[in-house]
Amino acid sequence: VSVEPAKFAAAHWGHTPLLSRAAELPDPTGFTD
């Protein structure tokens, strides 16, 4: 998730989708590891 955990819990968890682009995430190399 590209937002702080508290914001994710309040605004998205169980309510609405959240799109997080690679550039917004801590490891822009992705998930191949």
ModelCIF file with pLDDT and N, C-alpha, C, O atoms, coordinates in Angstrom:
data_MODEL
#
_entry.id   MODEL 
#
_entity.id                         1 
_entity.type                       polymer 
_entity.pdbx_number_of_molecules   1 
#
_entity_poly.entity_id                      1 
_entity_poly.type                           'polypeptide(L)' 
_entity_poly.nstd_linkage                   no 
_entity_poly.nstd_monomer                   no 
_entity_poly.pdbx_seq_one_letter_code       VSVEPAKFAAAHWGHTPLLSRAAELPDPTGFTD 
_entity_poly.pdbx_seq_one_letter_code_can   VSVEPAKFAAAHWGHTPLLSRAAELPDPTGFTD 
_entity_poly.pdbx_strand_id                 A 
#
loop_
_entity_poly_seq.entity_id 
_entity_poly_seq.num 
_entity_poly_seq.mon_id 
_entity_poly_seq.hetero 
1 1  VAL n 
1 2  SER n 
1 3  VAL n 
1 4  GLU n 
1 5  PRO n 
1 6  ALA n 
1 7  LYS n 
1 8  PHE n 
1 9  ALA n 
1 10 ALA n 
1 11 ALA n 
1 12 HIS n 
1 13 TRP n 
1 14 GLY n 
1 15 HIS n 
1 16 THR n 
1 17 PRO n 
1 18 LEU n 
1 19 LEU n 
1 20 SER n 
1 21 ARG n 
1 22 ALA n 
1 23 ALA n 
1 24 GLU n 
1 25 LEU n 
1 26 PRO n 
1 27 ASP n 
1 28 PRO n 
1 29 THR n 
1 30 GLY n 
1 31 PHE n 
1 32 THR n 
1 33 ASP n 
#
_struct_asym.id          A 
_struct_asym.entity_id   1 
#
loop_
_ma_qa_metric.id 
_ma_qa_metric.mode 
_ma_qa_metric.name 
_ma_qa_metric.software_group_id 
_ma_qa_metric.type 
1 global pLDDT . pLDDT 
2 local  pLDDT . pLDDT 
#
_ma_qa_metric_global.metric_id      1 
_ma_qa_metric_global.metric_value   95.27 
_ma_qa_metric_global.model_id       1 
_ma_qa_metric_global.ordinal_id     1 
#
loop_
_ma_qa_metric_local.label_asym_id 
_ma_qa_metric_local.label_comp_id 
_ma_qa_metric_local.label_seq_id 
_ma_qa_metric_local.metric_id 
_ma_qa_metric_local.metric_value 
_ma_qa_metric_local.model_id 
_ma_qa_metric_local.ordinal_id 
A VAL 1  2 98.00 1 1  
A SER 2  2 97.00 1 2  
A VAL 3  2 97.00 1 3  
A GLU 4  2 96.00 1 4  
A PRO 5  2 95.00 1 5  
A ALA 6  2 95.00 1 6  
A LYS 7  2 97.00 1 7  
A PHE 8  2 97.00 1 8  
A ALA 9  2 95.00 1 9  
A ALA 10 2 96.00 1 10 
A ALA 11 2 96.00 1 11 
A HIS 12 2 97.00 1 12 
A TRP 13 2 96.00 1 13 
A GLY 14 2 94.00 1 14 
A HIS 15 2 95.00 1 15 
A THR 16 2 97.00 1 16 
A PRO 17 2 98.00 1 17 
A LEU 18 2 98.00 1 18 
A LEU 19 2 98.00 1 19 
A SER 20 2 98.00 1 20 
A ARG 21 2 97.00 1 21 
A ALA 22 2 97.00 1 22 
A ALA 23 2 96.00 1 23 
A GLU 24 2 97.00 1 24 
A LEU 25 2 96.00 1 25 
A PRO 26 2 94.00 1 26 
A ASP 27 2 87.00 1 27 
A PRO 28 2 80.00 1 28 
A THR 29 2 84.00 1 29 
A GLY 30 2 94.00 1 30 
A PHE 31 2 98.00 1 31 
A THR 32 2 97.00 1 32 
A ASP 33 2 97.00 1 33 
#
loop_
_atom_site.group_PDB 
_atom_site.id 
_atom_site.type_symbol 
_atom_site.label_atom_id 
_atom_site.label_alt_id 
_atom_site.label_comp_id 
_atom_site.label_asym_id 
_atom_site.label_entity_id 
_atom_site.label_seq_id 
_atom_site.pdbx_PDB_ins_code 
_atom_site.Cartn_x 
_atom_site.Cartn_y 
_atom_site.Cartn_z 
_atom_site.occupancy 
_atom_site.B_iso_or_equiv 
_atom_site.pdbx_formal_charge 
_atom_site.auth_seq_id 
_atom_site.auth_comp_id 
_atom_site.auth_asym_id 
_atom_site.auth_atom_id 
_atom_site.pdbx_PDB_model_num 
ATOM 1   N N  . VAL A 1 1  ? 0.846   -1.196  0.000  1.00 98.00 ? 1  VAL A N  1 
ATOM 2   C CA . VAL A 1 1  ? 0.000   0.000   0.000  1.00 98.00 ? 1  VAL A CA 1 
ATOM 3   C C  . VAL A 1 1  ? 0.883   1.249   0.000  1.00 98.00 ? 1  VAL A C  1 
ATOM 4   O O  . VAL A 1 1  ? 1.949   1.276   0.613  1.00 98.00 ? 1  VAL A O  1 
ATOM 5   N N  . SER A 1 2  ? 0.411   2.278   -0.703 1.00 97.00 ? 2  SER A N  1 
ATOM 6   C CA . SER A 1 2  ? 1.185   3.509   -0.845 1.00 97.00 ? 2  SER A CA 1 
ATOM 7   C C  . SER A 1 2  ? 0.794   4.574   0.161  1.00 97.00 ? 2  SER A C  1 
ATOM 8   O O  . SER A 1 2  ? 1.249   5.713   0.060  1.00 97.00 ? 2  SER A O  1 
ATOM 9   N N  . VAL A 1 3  ? -0.044  4.225   1.132  1.00 97.00 ? 3  VAL A N  1 
ATOM 10  C CA . VAL A 1 3  ? -0.458  5.175   2.159  1.00 97.00 ? 3  VAL A CA 1 
ATOM 11  C C  . VAL A 1 3  ? -0.039  4.652   3.521  1.00 97.00 ? 3  VAL A C  1 
ATOM 12  O O  . VAL A 1 3  ? 0.317   3.483   3.666  1.00 97.00 ? 3  VAL A O  1 
ATOM 13  N N  . GLU A 1 4  ? -0.083  5.525   4.514  1.00 96.00 ? 4  GLU A N  1 
ATOM 14  C CA . GLU A 1 4  ? 0.263   5.117   5.868  1.00 96.00 ? 4  GLU A CA 1 
ATOM 15  C C  . GLU A 1 4  ? -0.733  4.072   6.381  1.00 96.00 ? 4  GLU A C  1 
ATOM 16  O O  . GLU A 1 4  ? -1.907  4.108   6.010  1.00 96.00 ? 4  GLU A O  1 
ATOM 17  N N  . PRO A 1 5  ? -0.277  3.139   7.234  1.00 95.00 ? 5  PRO A N  1 
ATOM 18  C CA . PRO A 1 5  ? -1.185  2.099   7.732  1.00 95.00 ? 5  PRO A CA 1 
ATOM 19  C C  . PRO A 1 5  ? -2.473  2.634   8.332  1.00 95.00 ? 5  PRO A C  1 
ATOM 20  O O  . PRO A 1 5  ? -3.540  2.063   8.107  1.00 95.00 ? 5  PRO A O  1 
ATOM 21  N N  . ALA A 1 6  ? -2.396  3.732   9.100  1.00 95.00 ? 6  ALA A N  1 
ATOM 22  C CA . ALA A 1 6  ? -3.602  4.286   9.722  1.00 95.00 ? 6  ALA A CA 1 
ATOM 23  C C  . ALA A 1 6  ? -4.592  4.756   8.664  1.00 95.00 ? 6  ALA A C  1 
ATOM 24  O O  . ALA A 1 6  ? -5.798  4.553   8.807  1.00 95.00 ? 6  ALA A O  1 
ATOM 25  N N  . LYS A 1 7  ? -4.094  5.379   7.613  1.00 97.00 ? 7  LYS A N  1 
ATOM 26  C CA . LYS A 1 7  ? -4.982  5.840   6.546  1.00 97.00 ? 7  LYS A CA 1 
ATOM 27  C C  . LYS A 1 7  ? -5.558  4.655   5.782  1.00 97.00 ? 7  LYS A C  1 
ATOM 28  O O  . LYS A 1 7  ? -6.735  4.657   5.421  1.00 97.00 ? 7  LYS A O  1 
ATOM 29  N N  . PHE A 1 8  ? -4.728  3.645   5.536  1.00 97.00 ? 8  PHE A N  1 
ATOM 30  C CA . PHE A 1 8  ? -5.233  2.452   4.856  1.00 97.00 ? 8  PHE A CA 1 
ATOM 31  C C  . PHE A 1 8  ? -6.355  1.815   5.672  1.00 97.00 ? 8  PHE A C  1 
ATOM 32  O O  . PHE A 1 8  ? -7.389  1.436   5.121  1.00 97.00 ? 8  PHE A O  1 
ATOM 33  N N  . ALA A 1 9  ? -6.153  1.699   6.983  1.00 95.00 ? 9  ALA A N  1 
ATOM 34  C CA . ALA A 1 9  ? -7.159  1.076   7.845  1.00 95.00 ? 9  ALA A CA 1 
ATOM 35  C C  . ALA A 1 9  ? -8.454  1.880   7.855  1.00 95.00 ? 9  ALA A C  1 
ATOM 36  O O  . ALA A 1 9  ? -9.541  1.303   7.834  1.00 95.00 ? 9  ALA A O  1 
ATOM 37  N N  . ALA A 1 10 ? -8.348  3.210   7.888  1.00 96.00 ? 10 ALA A N  1 
ATOM 38  C CA . ALA A 1 10 ? -9.537  4.052   8.015  1.00 96.00 ? 10 ALA A CA 1 
ATOM 39  C C  . ALA A 1 10 ? -10.269 4.247   6.700  1.00 96.00 ? 10 ALA A C  1 
ATOM 40  O O  . ALA A 1 10 ? -11.499 4.266   6.672  1.00 96.00 ? 10 ALA A O  1 
ATOM 41  N N  . ALA A 1 11 ? -9.523  4.393   5.606  1.00 96.00 ? 11 ALA A N  1 
ATOM 42  C CA . ALA A 1 11 ? -10.153 4.798   4.347  1.00 96.00 ? 11 ALA A CA 1 
ATOM 43  C C  . ALA A 1 11 ? -10.370 3.655   3.367  1.00 96.00 ? 11 ALA A C  1 
ATOM 44  O O  . ALA A 1 11 ? -11.213 3.766   2.476  1.00 96.00 ? 11 ALA A O  1 
ATOM 45  N N  . HIS A 1 12 ? -9.629  2.559   3.509  1.00 97.00 ? 12 HIS A N  1 
ATOM 46  C CA . HIS A 1 12 ? -9.685  1.523   2.477  1.00 97.00 ? 12 HIS A CA 1 
ATOM 47  C C  . HIS A 1 12 ? -10.040 0.133   3.006  1.00 97.00 ? 12 HIS A C  1 
ATOM 48  O O  . HIS A 1 12 ? -10.833 -0.571  2.382  1.00 97.00 ? 12 HIS A O  1 
ATOM 49  N N  . TRP A 1 13 ? -9.471  -0.274  4.140  1.00 96.00 ? 13 TRP A N  1 
ATOM 50  C CA . TRP A 1 13 ? -9.649  -1.637  4.621  1.00 96.00 ? 13 TRP A CA 1 
ATOM 51  C C  . TRP A 1 13 ? -11.134 -1.987  4.725  1.00 96.00 ? 13 TRP A C  1 
ATOM 52  O O  . TRP A 1 13 ? -11.868 -1.396  5.517  1.00 96.00 ? 13 TRP A O  1 
ATOM 53  N N  . GLY A 1 14 ? -11.561 -2.947  3.921  1.00 94.00 ? 14 GLY A N  1 
ATOM 54  C CA . GLY A 1 14 ? -12.940 -3.396  3.945  1.00 94.00 ? 14 GLY A CA 1 
ATOM 55  C C  . GLY A 1 14 ? -13.920 -2.459  3.274  1.00 94.00 ? 14 GLY A C  1 
ATOM 56  O O  . GLY A 1 14 ? -15.123 -2.719  3.301  1.00 94.00 ? 14 GLY A O  1 
ATOM 57  N N  . HIS A 1 15 ? -13.436 -1.345  2.655  1.00 95.00 ? 15 HIS A N  1 
ATOM 58  C CA . HIS A 1 15 ? -14.350 -0.347  2.095  1.00 95.00 ? 15 HIS A CA 1 
ATOM 59  C C  . HIS A 1 15 ? -14.131 -0.088  0.607  1.00 95.00 ? 15 HIS A C  1 
ATOM 60  O O  . HIS A 1 15 ? -15.026 -0.326  -0.204 1.00 95.00 ? 15 HIS A O  1 
ATOM 61  N N  . THR A 1 16 ? -12.951 0.395   0.249  1.00 97.00 ? 16 THR A N  1 
ATOM 62  C CA . THR A 1 16 ? -12.724 0.832   -1.127 1.00 97.00 ? 16 THR A CA 1 
ATOM 63  C C  . THR A 1 16 ? -11.374 0.332   -1.640 1.00 97.00 ? 16 THR A C  1 
ATOM 64  O O  . THR A 1 16 ? -10.444 0.134   -0.859 1.00 97.00 ? 16 THR A O  1 
ATOM 65  N N  . PRO A 1 17 ? -11.270 0.128   -2.961 1.00 98.00 ? 17 PRO A N  1 
ATOM 66  C CA . PRO A 1 17 ? -9.991  -0.303  -3.548 1.00 98.00 ? 17 PRO A CA 1 
ATOM 67  C C  . PRO A 1 17 ? -8.916  0.769   -3.378 1.00 98.00 ? 17 PRO A C  1 
ATOM 68  O O  . PRO A 1 17 ? -9.212  1.945   -3.163 1.00 98.00 ? 17 PRO A O  1 
ATOM 69  N N  . LEU A 1 18 ? -7.674  0.333   -3.478 1.00 98.00 ? 18 LEU A N  1 
ATOM 70  C CA . LEU A 1 18 ? -6.534  1.243   -3.443 1.00 98.00 ? 18 LEU A CA 1 
ATOM 71  C C  . LEU A 1 18 ? -5.521  0.791   -4.483 1.00 98.00 ? 18 LEU A C  1 
ATOM 72  O O  . LEU A 1 18 ? -5.018  -0.331  -4.427 1.00 98.00 ? 18 LEU A O  1 
ATOM 73  N N  . LEU A 1 19 ? -5.228  1.662   -5.421 1.00 98.00 ? 19 LEU A N  1 
ATOM 74  C CA . LEU A 1 19 ? -4.186  1.417   -6.428 1.00 98.00 ? 19 LEU A CA 1 
ATOM 75  C C  . LEU A 1 19 ? -2.899  2.072   -5.963 1.00 98.00 ? 19 LEU A C  1 
ATOM 76  O O  . LEU A 1 19 ? -2.882  3.262   -5.649 1.00 98.00 ? 19 LEU A O  1 
ATOM 77  N N  . SER A 1 20 ? -1.811  1.296   -5.917 1.00 98.00 ? 20 SER A N  1 
ATOM 78  C CA . SER A 1 20 ? -0.499  1.817   -5.517 1.00 98.00 ? 20 SER A CA 1 
ATOM 79  C C  . SER A 1 20 ? 0.483   1.529   -6.647 1.00 98.00 ? 20 SER A C  1 
ATOM 80  O O  . SER A 1 20 ? 0.793   0.375   -6.941 1.00 98.00 ? 20 SER A O  1 
ATOM 81  N N  . ARG A 1 21 ? 0.961   2.589   -7.268 1.00 97.00 ? 21 ARG A N  1 
ATOM 82  C CA . ARG A 1 21 ? 1.924   2.422   -8.357 1.00 97.00 ? 21 ARG A CA 1 
ATOM 83  C C  . ARG A 1 21 ? 3.318   2.126   -7.801 1.00 97.00 ? 21 ARG A C  1 
ATOM 84  O O  . ARG A 1 21 ? 3.643   2.480   -6.668 1.00 97.00 ? 21 ARG A O  1 
ATOM 85  N N  . ALA A 1 22 ? 4.131   1.467   -8.631 1.00 97.00 ? 22 ALA A N  1 
ATOM 86  C CA . ALA A 1 22 ? 5.462   1.050   -8.195 1.00 97.00 ? 22 ALA A CA 1 
ATOM 87  C C  . ALA A 1 22 ? 6.272   2.231   -7.665 1.00 97.00 ? 22 ALA A C  1 
ATOM 88  O O  . ALA A 1 22 ? 6.991   2.098   -6.675 1.00 97.00 ? 22 ALA A O  1 
ATOM 89  N N  . ALA A 1 23 ? 6.157   3.382   -8.320 1.00 96.00 ? 23 ALA A N  1 
ATOM 90  C CA . ALA A 1 23 ? 6.940   4.548   -7.908 1.00 96.00 ? 23 ALA A CA 1 
ATOM 91  C C  . ALA A 1 23 ? 6.536   5.052   -6.536 1.00 96.00 ? 23 ALA A C  1 
ATOM 92  O O  . ALA A 1 23 ? 7.302   5.774   -5.897 1.00 96.00 ? 23 ALA A O  1 
ATOM 93  N N  . GLU A 1 24 ? 5.336   4.682   -6.064 1.00 97.00 ? 24 GLU A N  1 
ATOM 94  C CA . GLU A 1 24 ? 4.852   5.133   -4.761 1.00 97.00 ? 24 GLU A CA 1 
ATOM 95  C C  . GLU A 1 24 ? 5.210   4.158   -3.641 1.00 97.00 ? 24 GLU A C  1 
ATOM 96  O O  . GLU A 1 24 ? 4.985   4.453   -2.467 1.00 97.00 ? 24 GLU A O  1 
ATOM 97  N N  . LEU A 1 25 ? 5.763   3.005   -3.993 1.00 96.00 ? 25 LEU A N  1 
ATOM 98  C CA . LEU A 1 25 ? 6.068   1.961   -3.021 1.00 96.00 ? 25 LEU A CA 1 
ATOM 99  C C  . LEU A 1 25 ? 7.554   1.968   -2.686 1.00 96.00 ? 25 LEU A C  1 
ATOM 100 O O  . LEU A 1 25 ? 8.352   2.492   -3.464 1.00 96.00 ? 25 LEU A O  1 
ATOM 101 N N  . PRO A 1 26 ? 7.942   1.403   -1.555 1.00 94.00 ? 26 PRO A N  1 
ATOM 102 C CA . PRO A 1 26 ? 9.337   1.532   -1.097 1.00 94.00 ? 26 PRO A CA 1 
ATOM 103 C C  . PRO A 1 26 ? 10.343  0.804   -1.961 1.00 94.00 ? 26 PRO A C  1 
ATOM 104 O O  . PRO A 1 26 ? 11.514  1.184   -1.977 1.00 94.00 ? 26 PRO A O  1 
ATOM 105 N N  . ASP A 1 27 ? 9.930   -0.236  -2.687 1.00 87.00 ? 27 ASP A N  1 
ATOM 106 C CA . ASP A 1 27 ? 10.857  -0.990  -3.522 1.00 87.00 ? 27 ASP A CA 1 
ATOM 107 C C  . ASP A 1 27 ? 10.382  -0.930  -4.967 1.00 87.00 ? 27 ASP A C  1 
ATOM 108 O O  . ASP A 1 27 ? 9.635   -1.810  -5.397 1.00 87.00 ? 27 ASP A O  1 
ATOM 109 N N  . PRO A 1 28 ? 10.791  0.076   -5.727 1.00 80.00 ? 28 PRO A N  1 
ATOM 110 C CA . PRO A 1 28 ? 10.301  0.230   -7.106 1.00 80.00 ? 28 PRO A CA 1 
ATOM 111 C C  . PRO A 1 28 ? 10.754  -0.879  -8.040 1.00 80.00 ? 28 PRO A C  1 
ATOM 112 O O  . PRO A 1 28 ? 10.277  -0.962  -9.172 1.00 80.00 ? 28 PRO A O  1 
ATOM 113 N N  . THR A 1 29 ? 11.675  -1.742  -7.585 1.00 84.00 ? 29 THR A N  1 
ATOM 114 C CA . THR A 1 29 ? 12.106  -2.858  -8.434 1.00 84.00 ? 29 THR A CA 1 
ATOM 115 C C  . THR A 1 29 ? 11.026  -3.925  -8.533 1.00 84.00 ? 29 THR A C  1 
ATOM 116 O O  . THR A 1 29 ? 11.113  -4.812  -9.381 1.00 84.00 ? 29 THR A O  1 
ATOM 117 N N  . GLY A 1 30 ? 10.009  -3.853  -7.677 1.00 94.00 ? 30 GLY A N  1 
ATOM 118 C CA . GLY A 1 30 ? 8.889   -4.770  -7.814 1.00 94.00 ? 30 GLY A CA 1 
ATOM 119 C C  . GLY A 1 30 ? 8.930   -5.936  -6.843 1.00 94.00 ? 30 GLY A C  1 
ATOM 120 O O  . GLY A 1 30 ? 9.422   -5.823  -5.720 1.00 94.00 ? 30 GLY A O  1 
ATOM 121 N N  . PHE A 1 31 ? 8.391   -7.075  -7.313 1.00 98.00 ? 31 PHE A N  1 
ATOM 122 C CA . PHE A 1 31 ? 8.156   -8.218  -6.435 1.00 98.00 ? 31 PHE A CA 1 
ATOM 123 C C  . PHE A 1 31 ? 8.874   -9.492  -6.894 1.00 98.00 ? 31 PHE A C  1 
ATOM 124 O O  . PHE A 1 31 ? 8.556   -10.584 -6.423 1.00 98.00 ? 31 PHE A O  1 
ATOM 125 N N  . THR A 1 32 ? 9.834   -9.359  -7.802 1.00 97.00 ? 32 THR A N  1 
ATOM 126 C CA . THR A 1 32 ? 10.499  -10.560 -8.322 1.00 97.00 ? 32 THR A CA 1 
ATOM 127 C C  . THR A 1 32 ? 11.359  -11.250 -7.273 1.00 97.00 ? 32 THR A C  1 
ATOM 128 O O  . THR A 1 32 ? 11.723  -12.414 -7.443 1.00 97.00 ? 32 THR A O  1 
ATOM 129 N N  . ASP A 1 33 ? 11.693  -10.541 -6.178 1.00 97.00 ? 33 ASP A N  1 
ATOM 130 C CA . ASP A 1 33 ? 12.413  -11.218 -5.093 1.00 97.00 ? 33 ASP A CA 1 
ATOM 131 C C  . ASP A 1 33 ? 11.514  -12.210 -4.366 1.00 97.00 ? 33 ASP A C  1 
ATOM 132 O O  . ASP A 1 33 ? 11.956  -12.869 -3.425 1.00 97.00 ? 33 ASP A O  1 
#
